[in-house]
Amino acid sequence: MALGVLAVVVGALWTLQGLDIVADSRMSGIGIWAVIGPVVAVGGLILIIVGERARSRAKRAEALAIIQQPPLGGTTKM
C-alpha cells in the first residue's frame, strides 16, 4: 500500500509538471508528463485497492481462526 501511495503522489506531481502548473523543472511544460503522470497515479490507486483488500481478507481470516478455537480450560471427559 505504501508503494501505491508513493505512486499516486509522484503521478500527481508529474501531471502538474507536465501541465506547467509546477514550474522550475526540466519536466515543466512537456506534455508527455501530463500523460505519464495520471497513468502512474491510477496504477498507484490500483495498488492501494489491492493492498487494502488483501489486508481486509487477512483480518477476516484471523478473526475466523480466533472464533473457531476451542475455549481455554475446557473440560475433557476421561
N, C-alpha and C. Protein backbone atom coordinates (compact mmCIF):
# COMPACT_ATOMS: atom_id res chain seq x y z
N MET A 1 0.82 -1.19 0.00
CA MET A 1 0.00 0.00 0.00
C MET A 1 0.87 1.26 0.00
N ALA A 2 2.00 1.18 0.68
CA ALA A 2 2.87 2.35 0.72
C ALA A 2 3.40 2.69 -0.67
N LEU A 3 3.69 1.67 -1.45
CA LEU A 3 4.15 1.90 -2.83
C LEU A 3 3.04 2.55 -3.66
N GLY A 4 1.80 2.17 -3.41
CA GLY A 4 0.67 2.77 -4.10
C GLY A 4 0.52 4.24 -3.77
N VAL A 5 0.67 4.58 -2.49
CA VAL A 5 0.57 5.99 -2.08
C VAL A 5 1.69 6.80 -2.73
N LEU A 6 2.89 6.24 -2.74
CA LEU A 6 4.02 6.92 -3.38
C LEU A 6 3.75 7.13 -4.87
N ALA A 7 3.20 6.13 -5.54
CA ALA A 7 2.91 6.26 -6.97
C ALA A 7 1.85 7.33 -7.23
N VAL A 8 0.85 7.44 -6.36
CA VAL A 8 -0.18 8.47 -6.53
C VAL A 8 0.45 9.86 -6.39
N VAL A 9 1.30 10.03 -5.39
CA VAL A 9 1.93 11.33 -5.17
C VAL A 9 2.85 11.70 -6.34
N VAL A 10 3.67 10.75 -6.76
CA VAL A 10 4.59 11.02 -7.87
C VAL A 10 3.81 11.26 -9.16
N GLY A 11 2.77 10.48 -9.40
CA GLY A 11 1.95 10.67 -10.59
C GLY A 11 1.29 12.04 -10.61
N ALA A 12 0.79 12.48 -9.46
CA ALA A 12 0.18 13.81 -9.38
C ALA A 12 1.21 14.90 -9.65
N LEU A 13 2.40 14.74 -9.09
CA LEU A 13 3.47 15.73 -9.32
C LEU A 13 3.85 15.78 -10.80
N TRP A 14 4.02 14.61 -11.41
CA TRP A 14 4.37 14.59 -12.83
C TRP A 14 3.27 15.22 -13.69
N THR A 15 2.03 14.98 -13.32
CA THR A 15 0.92 15.57 -14.07
C THR A 15 0.98 17.09 -13.97
N LEU A 16 1.16 17.60 -12.76
CA LEU A 16 1.23 19.05 -12.57
C LEU A 16 2.42 19.67 -13.30
N GLN A 17 3.53 18.95 -13.34
CA GLN A 17 4.69 19.46 -14.07
C GLN A 17 4.43 19.43 -15.57
N GLY A 18 3.80 18.38 -16.05
CA GLY A 18 3.50 18.29 -17.48
C GLY A 18 2.53 19.36 -17.93
N LEU A 19 1.60 19.75 -17.04
CA LEU A 19 0.64 20.80 -17.37
C LEU A 19 1.21 22.19 -17.11
N ASP A 20 2.46 22.28 -16.69
CA ASP A 20 3.19 23.52 -16.41
C ASP A 20 2.56 24.30 -15.26
N ILE A 21 1.95 23.59 -14.32
CA ILE A 21 1.43 24.23 -13.11
C ILE A 21 2.55 24.34 -12.09
N VAL A 22 3.38 23.31 -12.01
CA VAL A 22 4.58 23.36 -11.17
C VAL A 22 5.74 23.72 -12.11
N ALA A 23 6.31 24.88 -11.88
CA ALA A 23 7.36 25.37 -12.78
C ALA A 23 8.74 25.07 -12.21
N ASP A 24 9.76 25.58 -12.86
CA ASP A 24 11.16 25.45 -12.45
C ASP A 24 11.63 24.00 -12.41
N SER A 25 11.27 23.25 -13.42
CA SER A 25 11.72 21.87 -13.53
C SER A 25 11.98 21.58 -15.00
N ARG A 26 12.83 20.64 -15.28
CA ARG A 26 13.07 20.26 -16.67
C ARG A 26 11.84 19.61 -17.29
N MET A 27 10.97 19.05 -16.43
CA MET A 27 9.77 18.38 -16.92
C MET A 27 8.60 19.34 -17.12
N SER A 28 8.73 20.57 -16.66
CA SER A 28 7.63 21.53 -16.75
C SER A 28 7.30 21.88 -18.19
N GLY A 29 6.03 21.80 -18.51
CA GLY A 29 5.57 22.17 -19.84
C GLY A 29 5.75 21.10 -20.90
N ILE A 30 6.28 19.95 -20.56
CA ILE A 30 6.46 18.86 -21.51
C ILE A 30 5.25 17.94 -21.40
N GLY A 31 4.49 17.88 -22.47
CA GLY A 31 3.19 17.21 -22.46
C GLY A 31 3.19 15.74 -22.14
N ILE A 32 4.28 15.04 -22.43
CA ILE A 32 4.30 13.60 -22.17
C ILE A 32 4.12 13.31 -20.68
N TRP A 33 4.61 14.20 -19.81
CA TRP A 33 4.46 14.01 -18.36
C TRP A 33 3.01 14.20 -17.92
N ALA A 34 2.25 14.96 -18.68
CA ALA A 34 0.82 15.11 -18.39
C ALA A 34 0.06 13.84 -18.74
N VAL A 35 0.67 12.95 -19.50
CA VAL A 35 0.07 11.66 -19.83
C VAL A 35 0.61 10.57 -18.90
N ILE A 36 1.91 10.56 -18.68
CA ILE A 36 2.52 9.54 -17.83
C ILE A 36 2.05 9.68 -16.37
N GLY A 37 1.92 10.90 -15.90
CA GLY A 37 1.54 11.15 -14.51
C GLY A 37 0.22 10.49 -14.12
N PRO A 38 -0.87 10.71 -14.86
CA PRO A 38 -2.13 10.06 -14.50
C PRO A 38 -2.07 8.53 -14.59
N VAL A 39 -1.29 8.02 -15.52
CA VAL A 39 -1.16 6.56 -15.64
C VAL A 39 -0.50 6.01 -14.38
N VAL A 40 0.55 6.65 -13.91
CA VAL A 40 1.23 6.22 -12.70
C VAL A 40 0.31 6.37 -11.49
N ALA A 41 -0.45 7.47 -11.43
CA ALA A 41 -1.36 7.70 -10.31
C ALA A 41 -2.47 6.64 -10.27
N VAL A 42 -3.02 6.28 -11.41
CA VAL A 42 -4.05 5.25 -11.46
C VAL A 42 -3.46 3.89 -11.05
N GLY A 43 -2.25 3.63 -11.49
CA GLY A 43 -1.57 2.40 -11.07
C GLY A 43 -1.39 2.37 -9.55
N GLY A 44 -1.07 3.51 -8.97
CA GLY A 44 -0.95 3.61 -7.52
C GLY A 44 -2.27 3.36 -6.82
N LEU A 45 -3.35 3.90 -7.36
CA LEU A 45 -4.67 3.66 -6.78
C LEU A 45 -5.02 2.18 -6.83
N ILE A 46 -4.67 1.52 -7.91
CA ILE A 46 -4.93 0.08 -8.03
C ILE A 46 -4.14 -0.67 -6.97
N LEU A 47 -2.87 -0.30 -6.75
CA LEU A 47 -2.06 -0.94 -5.72
C LEU A 47 -2.66 -0.73 -4.33
N ILE A 48 -3.18 0.46 -4.07
CA ILE A 48 -3.80 0.74 -2.77
C ILE A 48 -5.03 -0.13 -2.58
N ILE A 49 -5.87 -0.22 -3.60
CA ILE A 49 -7.10 -1.01 -3.51
C ILE A 49 -6.77 -2.49 -3.30
N VAL A 50 -5.83 -3.02 -4.07
CA VAL A 50 -5.45 -4.43 -3.93
C VAL A 50 -4.86 -4.68 -2.54
N GLY A 51 -4.03 -3.77 -2.06
CA GLY A 51 -3.43 -3.93 -0.74
C GLY A 51 -4.47 -3.88 0.37
N GLU A 52 -5.43 -3.00 0.26
CA GLU A 52 -6.48 -2.89 1.28
C GLU A 52 -7.37 -4.13 1.28
N ARG A 53 -7.67 -4.64 0.11
CA ARG A 53 -8.49 -5.86 0.04
C ARG A 53 -7.76 -7.05 0.63
N ALA A 54 -6.48 -7.18 0.37
CA ALA A 54 -5.69 -8.28 0.93
C ALA A 54 -5.60 -8.15 2.45
N ARG A 55 -5.43 -6.93 2.91
CA ARG A 55 -5.36 -6.69 4.35
C ARG A 55 -6.68 -7.03 5.03
N SER A 56 -7.77 -6.63 4.41
CA SER A 56 -9.09 -6.92 4.95
C SER A 56 -9.35 -8.43 4.99
N ARG A 57 -8.96 -9.11 3.92
CA ARG A 57 -9.14 -10.56 3.83
C ARG A 57 -8.33 -11.26 4.92
N ALA A 58 -7.12 -10.80 5.19
CA ALA A 58 -6.29 -11.40 6.22
C ALA A 58 -6.89 -11.18 7.61
N LYS A 59 -7.44 -10.00 7.84
CA LYS A 59 -8.07 -9.73 9.13
C LYS A 59 -9.29 -10.62 9.35
N ARG A 60 -10.09 -10.81 8.30
CA ARG A 60 -11.26 -11.69 8.42
C ARG A 60 -10.84 -13.12 8.71
N ALA A 61 -9.79 -13.60 8.05
CA ALA A 61 -9.31 -14.96 8.26
C ALA A 61 -8.78 -15.11 9.69
N GLU A 62 -8.09 -14.11 10.20
CA GLU A 62 -7.57 -14.16 11.56
C GLU A 62 -8.71 -14.17 12.57
N ALA A 63 -9.72 -13.35 12.36
CA ALA A 63 -10.87 -13.32 13.27
C ALA A 63 -11.61 -14.65 13.25
N LEU A 64 -11.75 -15.25 12.09
CA LEU A 64 -12.42 -16.54 11.97
C LEU A 64 -11.64 -17.63 12.69
N ALA A 65 -10.32 -17.59 12.60
CA ALA A 65 -9.48 -18.57 13.27
C ALA A 65 -9.60 -18.44 14.79
N ILE A 66 -9.71 -17.21 15.28
CA ILE A 66 -9.86 -16.99 16.72
C ILE A 66 -11.21 -17.51 17.20
N ILE A 67 -12.24 -17.28 16.41
CA ILE A 67 -13.58 -17.73 16.78
C ILE A 67 -13.66 -19.25 16.81
N GLN A 68 -12.98 -19.92 15.92
CA GLN A 68 -13.07 -21.37 15.80
C GLN A 68 -12.19 -22.13 16.79
N GLN A 69 -11.36 -21.42 17.56
CA GLN A 69 -10.51 -22.09 18.54
C GLN A 69 -11.35 -22.59 19.70
N PRO A 70 -11.00 -23.75 20.25
CA PRO A 70 -11.73 -24.24 21.43
C PRO A 70 -11.43 -23.34 22.62
N PRO A 71 -12.36 -23.21 23.55
CA PRO A 71 -12.12 -22.36 24.71
C PRO A 71 -11.00 -22.91 25.59
N LEU A 72 -10.26 -22.03 26.21
CA LEU A 72 -9.18 -22.44 27.10
C LEU A 72 -9.76 -22.96 28.40
N GLY A 73 -9.15 -23.98 28.96
CA GLY A 73 -9.59 -24.51 30.24
C GLY A 73 -10.89 -25.28 30.14
N GLY A 74 -11.20 -25.78 28.97
CA GLY A 74 -12.43 -26.54 28.79
C GLY A 74 -12.35 -27.87 29.49
N THR A 75 -13.48 -28.47 29.73
CA THR A 75 -13.50 -29.78 30.40
C THR A 75 -13.26 -30.88 29.38
N THR A 76 -12.56 -31.88 29.83
CA THR A 76 -12.32 -33.05 28.98
C THR A 76 -12.89 -34.26 29.68
N LYS A 77 -13.44 -35.17 28.94
CA LYS A 77 -14.01 -36.40 29.50
C LYS A 77 -12.92 -37.45 29.61
N MET A 78 -12.94 -38.17 30.72
CA MET A 78 -11.97 -39.24 30.90
C MET A 78 -12.64 -40.56 30.96
